[in-house]
N, C-alpha and C. Protein backbone atom coordinates (compact mmCIF):
# COMPACT_ATOMS: atom_id res chain seq x y z
N MET A 1 107.41 99.36 105.87
CA MET A 1 107.96 98.04 106.10
C MET A 1 106.87 96.98 105.97
N TYR A 2 105.67 97.34 106.38
CA TYR A 2 104.57 96.39 106.27
C TYR A 2 104.36 95.99 104.81
N PHE A 3 104.45 96.97 103.91
CA PHE A 3 104.27 96.69 102.49
C PHE A 3 105.34 95.74 101.96
N PHE A 4 106.59 95.87 102.48
CA PHE A 4 107.66 94.97 102.06
C PHE A 4 107.38 93.52 102.45
N SER A 5 106.49 93.31 103.40
CA SER A 5 106.16 91.96 103.85
C SER A 5 105.01 91.33 103.07
N THR A 6 104.55 92.01 102.07
CA THR A 6 103.43 91.48 101.28
C THR A 6 103.95 90.66 100.10
N ASP A 7 103.03 90.05 99.39
CA ASP A 7 103.40 89.25 98.22
C ASP A 7 104.10 90.06 97.14
N ALA A 8 103.90 91.37 97.13
CA ALA A 8 104.53 92.22 96.12
C ALA A 8 106.05 92.18 96.22
N PHE A 9 106.58 91.81 97.37
CA PHE A 9 108.03 91.75 97.55
C PHE A 9 108.49 90.32 97.83
N SER A 10 107.77 89.34 97.29
CA SER A 10 108.20 87.95 97.41
C SER A 10 109.48 87.76 96.60
N ALA A 11 110.17 86.66 96.86
CA ALA A 11 111.41 86.36 96.13
C ALA A 11 111.16 86.28 94.62
N GLU A 12 110.04 85.73 94.26
CA GLU A 12 109.71 85.62 92.83
C GLU A 12 109.57 86.99 92.19
N GLU A 13 108.87 87.89 92.88
CA GLU A 13 108.67 89.25 92.35
C GLU A 13 109.97 90.03 92.29
N THR A 14 110.74 90.02 93.36
CA THR A 14 112.00 90.78 93.35
C THR A 14 113.00 90.15 92.39
N GLY A 15 112.93 88.83 92.24
CA GLY A 15 113.82 88.16 91.29
C GLY A 15 113.59 88.63 89.87
N THR A 16 112.34 88.85 89.52
CA THR A 16 111.99 89.34 88.19
C THR A 16 112.58 90.74 87.96
N VAL A 17 112.45 91.60 88.96
CA VAL A 17 112.99 92.96 88.85
C VAL A 17 114.51 92.94 88.81
N PHE A 18 115.11 92.21 89.74
CA PHE A 18 116.57 92.16 89.81
C PHE A 18 117.20 91.49 88.60
N ARG A 19 116.49 90.56 87.99
CA ARG A 19 117.04 89.83 86.84
C ARG A 19 117.49 90.80 85.75
N GLY A 20 116.63 91.73 85.41
CA GLY A 20 116.98 92.69 84.36
C GLY A 20 118.16 93.56 84.73
N ILE A 21 118.21 93.98 85.97
CA ILE A 21 119.30 94.85 86.43
C ILE A 21 120.61 94.08 86.51
N ILE A 22 120.57 92.93 87.14
CA ILE A 22 121.79 92.15 87.35
C ILE A 22 122.34 91.62 86.03
N ASP A 23 121.45 91.26 85.11
CA ASP A 23 121.92 90.78 83.80
C ASP A 23 122.69 91.85 83.05
N LYS A 24 122.33 93.11 83.26
CA LYS A 24 123.06 94.21 82.60
C LYS A 24 124.42 94.44 83.25
N ILE A 25 124.48 94.28 84.57
CA ILE A 25 125.74 94.51 85.29
C ILE A 25 126.68 93.31 85.15
N PHE A 26 126.12 92.11 85.29
CA PHE A 26 126.89 90.86 85.22
C PHE A 26 126.30 89.95 84.13
N PRO A 27 126.57 90.25 82.85
CA PRO A 27 125.92 89.50 81.78
C PRO A 27 126.29 88.01 81.73
N PHE A 28 127.42 87.63 82.30
CA PHE A 28 127.84 86.23 82.23
C PHE A 28 127.57 85.46 83.52
N LEU A 29 126.77 86.02 84.40
CA LEU A 29 126.46 85.38 85.67
C LEU A 29 125.54 84.18 85.45
N SER A 30 125.92 83.05 86.03
CA SER A 30 125.11 81.84 85.88
C SER A 30 123.82 81.98 86.70
N GLU A 31 122.88 81.07 86.46
CA GLU A 31 121.63 81.05 87.22
C GLU A 31 121.92 80.85 88.71
N GLU A 32 122.84 79.97 89.01
CA GLU A 32 123.22 79.72 90.40
C GLU A 32 123.82 80.98 91.03
N GLY A 33 124.66 81.67 90.27
CA GLY A 33 125.25 82.92 90.75
C GLY A 33 124.19 83.98 90.97
N PHE A 34 123.24 84.05 90.04
CA PHE A 34 122.15 85.02 90.20
C PHE A 34 121.34 84.73 91.46
N GLN A 35 121.01 83.46 91.68
CA GLN A 35 120.21 83.10 92.86
C GLN A 35 120.96 83.44 94.15
N SER A 36 122.26 83.22 94.17
CA SER A 36 123.06 83.56 95.36
C SER A 36 123.09 85.06 95.59
N LEU A 37 123.29 85.82 94.52
CA LEU A 37 123.31 87.28 94.65
C LEU A 37 121.95 87.82 95.07
N HIS A 38 120.90 87.29 94.48
CA HIS A 38 119.54 87.70 94.83
C HIS A 38 119.26 87.42 96.31
N TYR A 39 119.65 86.25 96.77
CA TYR A 39 119.48 85.88 98.18
C TYR A 39 120.23 86.87 99.09
N PHE A 40 121.47 87.18 98.72
CA PHE A 40 122.28 88.12 99.51
C PHE A 40 121.62 89.50 99.55
N ILE A 41 121.15 89.98 98.42
CA ILE A 41 120.50 91.30 98.36
C ILE A 41 119.26 91.32 99.26
N ARG A 42 118.47 90.28 99.23
CA ARG A 42 117.25 90.22 100.06
C ARG A 42 117.60 90.22 101.55
N LYS A 43 118.62 89.48 101.94
CA LYS A 43 119.00 89.42 103.36
C LYS A 43 119.65 90.74 103.79
N ALA A 44 120.42 91.35 102.91
CA ALA A 44 121.01 92.65 103.21
C ALA A 44 119.93 93.71 103.38
N ALA A 45 118.85 93.59 102.63
CA ALA A 45 117.73 94.52 102.77
C ALA A 45 117.08 94.37 104.14
N HIS A 46 116.91 93.14 104.61
CA HIS A 46 116.38 92.90 105.97
C HIS A 46 117.26 93.62 106.98
N PHE A 47 118.55 93.37 106.91
CA PHE A 47 119.52 93.93 107.86
C PHE A 47 119.47 95.46 107.83
N THR A 48 119.49 96.01 106.64
CA THR A 48 119.54 97.47 106.47
C THR A 48 118.26 98.16 106.92
N GLU A 49 117.10 97.63 106.54
CA GLU A 49 115.86 98.31 106.89
C GLU A 49 115.64 98.33 108.41
N TYR A 50 116.05 97.28 109.09
CA TYR A 50 115.90 97.26 110.55
C TYR A 50 116.97 98.11 111.23
N GLY A 51 118.11 98.26 110.60
CA GLY A 51 119.11 99.20 111.11
C GLY A 51 118.59 100.63 111.05
N ILE A 52 117.98 100.97 109.93
CA ILE A 52 117.40 102.31 109.77
C ILE A 52 116.25 102.51 110.76
N LEU A 53 115.41 101.50 110.91
CA LEU A 53 114.31 101.60 111.87
C LEU A 53 114.84 101.82 113.28
N ALA A 54 115.88 101.12 113.66
CA ALA A 54 116.46 101.28 115.01
C ALA A 54 116.94 102.72 115.23
N LEU A 55 117.59 103.29 114.22
CA LEU A 55 118.07 104.67 114.37
C LEU A 55 116.91 105.66 114.44
N LEU A 56 115.86 105.41 113.67
CA LEU A 56 114.69 106.29 113.73
C LEU A 56 113.98 106.18 115.08
N LEU A 57 113.88 104.96 115.60
CA LEU A 57 113.28 104.78 116.92
C LEU A 57 114.11 105.48 118.00
N TYR A 58 115.41 105.32 117.92
CA TYR A 58 116.28 105.99 118.89
C TYR A 58 116.08 107.50 118.84
N ARG A 59 116.02 108.01 117.63
CA ARG A 59 115.81 109.45 117.45
C ARG A 59 114.47 109.89 118.05
N ALA A 60 113.45 109.07 117.88
CA ALA A 60 112.13 109.39 118.44
C ALA A 60 112.18 109.41 119.97
N PHE A 61 112.88 108.45 120.56
CA PHE A 61 112.99 108.43 122.02
C PHE A 61 113.85 109.59 122.53
N ARG A 62 114.82 109.99 121.75
CA ARG A 62 115.69 111.11 122.15
C ARG A 62 114.89 112.41 122.19
N ASN A 63 114.03 112.64 121.22
CA ASN A 63 113.08 113.74 121.20
C ASN A 63 113.66 115.10 121.62
N ARG A 64 114.60 115.59 120.85
CA ARG A 64 115.19 116.93 121.04
C ARG A 64 116.00 117.10 122.32
N SER A 65 116.32 116.04 122.97
CA SER A 65 117.12 116.13 124.19
C SER A 65 118.54 116.59 123.84
N GLU A 66 119.15 117.33 124.74
CA GLU A 66 120.54 117.75 124.56
C GLU A 66 121.48 116.57 124.75
N THR A 67 121.06 115.58 125.50
CA THR A 67 121.86 114.38 125.71
C THR A 67 121.88 113.58 124.42
N THR A 68 123.06 113.10 124.02
CA THR A 68 123.16 112.39 122.75
C THR A 68 123.05 110.88 122.90
N TRP A 69 123.29 110.34 124.10
CA TRP A 69 123.20 108.90 124.29
C TRP A 69 122.62 108.56 125.65
N LYS A 70 121.63 107.71 125.63
CA LYS A 70 121.10 107.12 126.85
C LYS A 70 120.84 105.65 126.57
N ARG A 71 121.31 104.82 127.44
CA ARG A 71 121.13 103.38 127.25
C ARG A 71 119.64 103.01 127.20
N SER A 72 118.83 103.70 128.00
CA SER A 72 117.40 103.37 128.02
C SER A 72 116.76 103.61 126.65
N TRP A 73 117.16 104.66 125.95
CA TRP A 73 116.61 104.91 124.62
C TRP A 73 117.00 103.77 123.67
N ALA A 74 118.24 103.33 123.77
CA ALA A 74 118.70 102.22 122.93
C ALA A 74 117.95 100.94 123.29
N ASN A 75 117.75 100.70 124.58
CA ASN A 75 117.03 99.50 125.01
C ASN A 75 115.59 99.50 124.51
N TYR A 76 114.91 100.63 124.62
CA TYR A 76 113.53 100.74 124.13
C TYR A 76 113.49 100.50 122.62
N SER A 77 114.43 101.10 121.91
CA SER A 77 114.51 100.93 120.46
C SER A 77 114.73 99.47 120.11
N PHE A 78 115.65 98.84 120.82
CA PHE A 78 115.96 97.44 120.54
C PHE A 78 114.77 96.53 120.85
N MET A 79 114.09 96.79 121.93
CA MET A 79 112.91 95.98 122.27
C MET A 79 111.85 96.07 121.17
N LEU A 80 111.64 97.27 120.65
CA LEU A 80 110.66 97.43 119.57
C LEU A 80 111.12 96.74 118.30
N ILE A 81 112.42 96.76 118.04
CA ILE A 81 112.97 96.05 116.88
C ILE A 81 112.67 94.55 116.99
N VAL A 82 112.92 93.99 118.16
CA VAL A 82 112.68 92.56 118.37
C VAL A 82 111.20 92.23 118.16
N ILE A 83 110.34 93.03 118.77
CA ILE A 83 108.89 92.79 118.65
C ILE A 83 108.45 92.90 117.19
N TYR A 84 108.89 93.95 116.52
CA TYR A 84 108.46 94.15 115.13
C TYR A 84 109.03 93.08 114.21
N ALA A 85 110.26 92.64 114.46
CA ALA A 85 110.87 91.61 113.61
C ALA A 85 110.06 90.32 113.66
N PHE A 86 109.68 89.90 114.86
CA PHE A 86 108.90 88.67 114.98
C PHE A 86 107.47 88.86 114.49
N ALA A 87 106.89 90.03 114.72
CA ALA A 87 105.53 90.30 114.23
C ALA A 87 105.51 90.32 112.71
N ASP A 88 106.55 90.87 112.10
CA ASP A 88 106.65 90.93 110.65
C ASP A 88 106.71 89.52 110.05
N GLU A 89 107.51 88.66 110.63
CA GLU A 89 107.59 87.29 110.13
C GLU A 89 106.29 86.53 110.38
N PHE A 90 105.63 86.82 111.49
CA PHE A 90 104.34 86.19 111.76
C PHE A 90 103.33 86.61 110.70
N HIS A 91 103.35 87.89 110.34
CA HIS A 91 102.45 88.40 109.30
C HIS A 91 102.69 87.66 107.98
N GLN A 92 103.94 87.36 107.67
CA GLN A 92 104.26 86.72 106.40
C GLN A 92 103.70 85.30 106.32
N ARG A 93 103.38 84.70 107.45
CA ARG A 93 102.78 83.36 107.45
C ARG A 93 101.41 83.37 106.76
N PHE A 94 100.79 84.53 106.70
CA PHE A 94 99.44 84.63 106.15
C PHE A 94 99.41 85.15 104.71
N THR A 95 100.56 85.30 104.11
CA THR A 95 100.62 85.71 102.71
C THR A 95 100.82 84.46 101.85
N THR A 96 100.43 84.53 100.61
CA THR A 96 100.50 83.35 99.76
C THR A 96 101.89 83.11 99.18
N ALA A 97 102.63 84.16 98.90
CA ALA A 97 103.91 84.01 98.20
C ALA A 97 105.13 84.24 99.10
N ARG A 98 104.91 84.41 100.38
CA ARG A 98 106.02 84.66 101.31
C ARG A 98 106.12 83.50 102.29
N THR A 99 107.30 83.36 102.86
CA THR A 99 107.49 82.37 103.90
C THR A 99 107.92 83.07 105.18
N SER A 100 107.64 82.46 106.28
CA SER A 100 108.01 82.99 107.58
C SER A 100 109.27 82.28 108.06
N SER A 101 110.24 83.05 108.55
CA SER A 101 111.50 82.45 108.97
C SER A 101 112.04 83.14 110.22
N VAL A 102 112.36 82.35 111.21
CA VAL A 102 112.99 82.88 112.42
C VAL A 102 114.35 83.47 112.06
N TYR A 103 115.01 82.88 111.07
CA TYR A 103 116.33 83.37 110.66
C TYR A 103 116.24 84.80 110.11
N ASP A 104 115.17 85.09 109.38
CA ASP A 104 114.99 86.46 108.91
C ASP A 104 114.79 87.41 110.09
N SER A 105 114.06 86.97 111.09
CA SER A 105 113.89 87.79 112.29
C SER A 105 115.24 88.05 112.96
N LEU A 106 116.08 87.04 113.00
CA LEU A 106 117.41 87.21 113.61
C LEU A 106 118.27 88.17 112.80
N ILE A 107 118.15 88.13 111.47
CA ILE A 107 118.87 89.09 110.63
C ILE A 107 118.35 90.50 110.91
N ASP A 108 117.04 90.65 111.02
CA ASP A 108 116.43 91.95 111.33
C ASP A 108 116.97 92.48 112.66
N ILE A 109 116.95 91.63 113.66
CA ILE A 109 117.41 92.02 115.00
C ILE A 109 118.89 92.38 114.97
N ALA A 110 119.68 91.62 114.23
CA ALA A 110 121.11 91.92 114.11
C ALA A 110 121.32 93.28 113.44
N GLY A 111 120.50 93.59 112.45
CA GLY A 111 120.61 94.91 111.80
C GLY A 111 120.31 96.04 112.76
N GLY A 112 119.25 95.88 113.55
CA GLY A 112 118.90 96.90 114.54
C GLY A 112 119.97 97.04 115.60
N PHE A 113 120.47 95.91 116.09
CA PHE A 113 121.52 95.94 117.12
C PHE A 113 122.79 96.60 116.58
N THR A 114 123.18 96.24 115.38
CA THR A 114 124.40 96.80 114.79
C THR A 114 124.29 98.32 114.64
N ALA A 115 123.16 98.80 114.18
CA ALA A 115 122.97 100.24 114.03
C ALA A 115 123.07 100.95 115.38
N LEU A 116 122.43 100.39 116.40
CA LEU A 116 122.49 101.00 117.73
C LEU A 116 123.90 100.93 118.31
N PHE A 117 124.59 99.84 118.07
CA PHE A 117 125.97 99.71 118.54
C PHE A 117 126.86 100.75 117.87
N LEU A 118 126.72 100.90 116.56
CA LEU A 118 127.53 101.90 115.85
C LEU A 118 127.20 103.31 116.31
N LEU A 119 125.94 103.57 116.58
CA LEU A 119 125.55 104.87 117.12
C LEU A 119 126.21 105.10 118.48
N TRP A 120 126.23 104.08 119.32
CA TRP A 120 126.88 104.19 120.62
C TRP A 120 128.37 104.49 120.46
N VAL A 121 129.04 103.81 119.52
CA VAL A 121 130.46 104.05 119.28
C VAL A 121 130.70 105.49 118.87
N VAL A 122 129.89 106.00 117.96
CA VAL A 122 130.04 107.38 117.48
C VAL A 122 129.75 108.38 118.61
N ARG A 123 128.69 108.17 119.33
CA ARG A 123 128.29 109.10 120.41
C ARG A 123 129.29 109.06 121.58
N ARG A 124 129.89 107.92 121.82
CA ARG A 124 130.83 107.77 122.92
C ARG A 124 132.07 108.60 122.70
N LYS A 125 132.46 108.77 121.47
CA LYS A 125 133.67 109.53 121.15
C LYS A 125 133.46 111.04 121.19
N ASN A 126 132.20 111.47 121.20
CA ASN A 126 131.90 112.92 121.21
C ASN A 126 131.93 113.48 122.62
């Protein structure tokens, strides 16, 4: 995740990569449409990567326990998600091609929360 916060994954860089792919899938997409789709893909990546991180953290806290759900494990996971989301955006302030945004942190946190919530729903039914 740290690498994703570097200049190598700036909007300009990912736009260059996505341009070739999206132009093949949607050849008649306008520049405005491309920019909107690119923006959506980047924000969805924030949401998804933090959702995955939340599940991995939860799994680490569970550590082979027979119990499938504990609120404390979810709370610890969520706290780390919040800390890492803000630390990640803080790190981006020091890169040349990236910007720091509280809104991206909120998307990250929402991704982590959603993953933990869905895990709770699944585990509750078992």
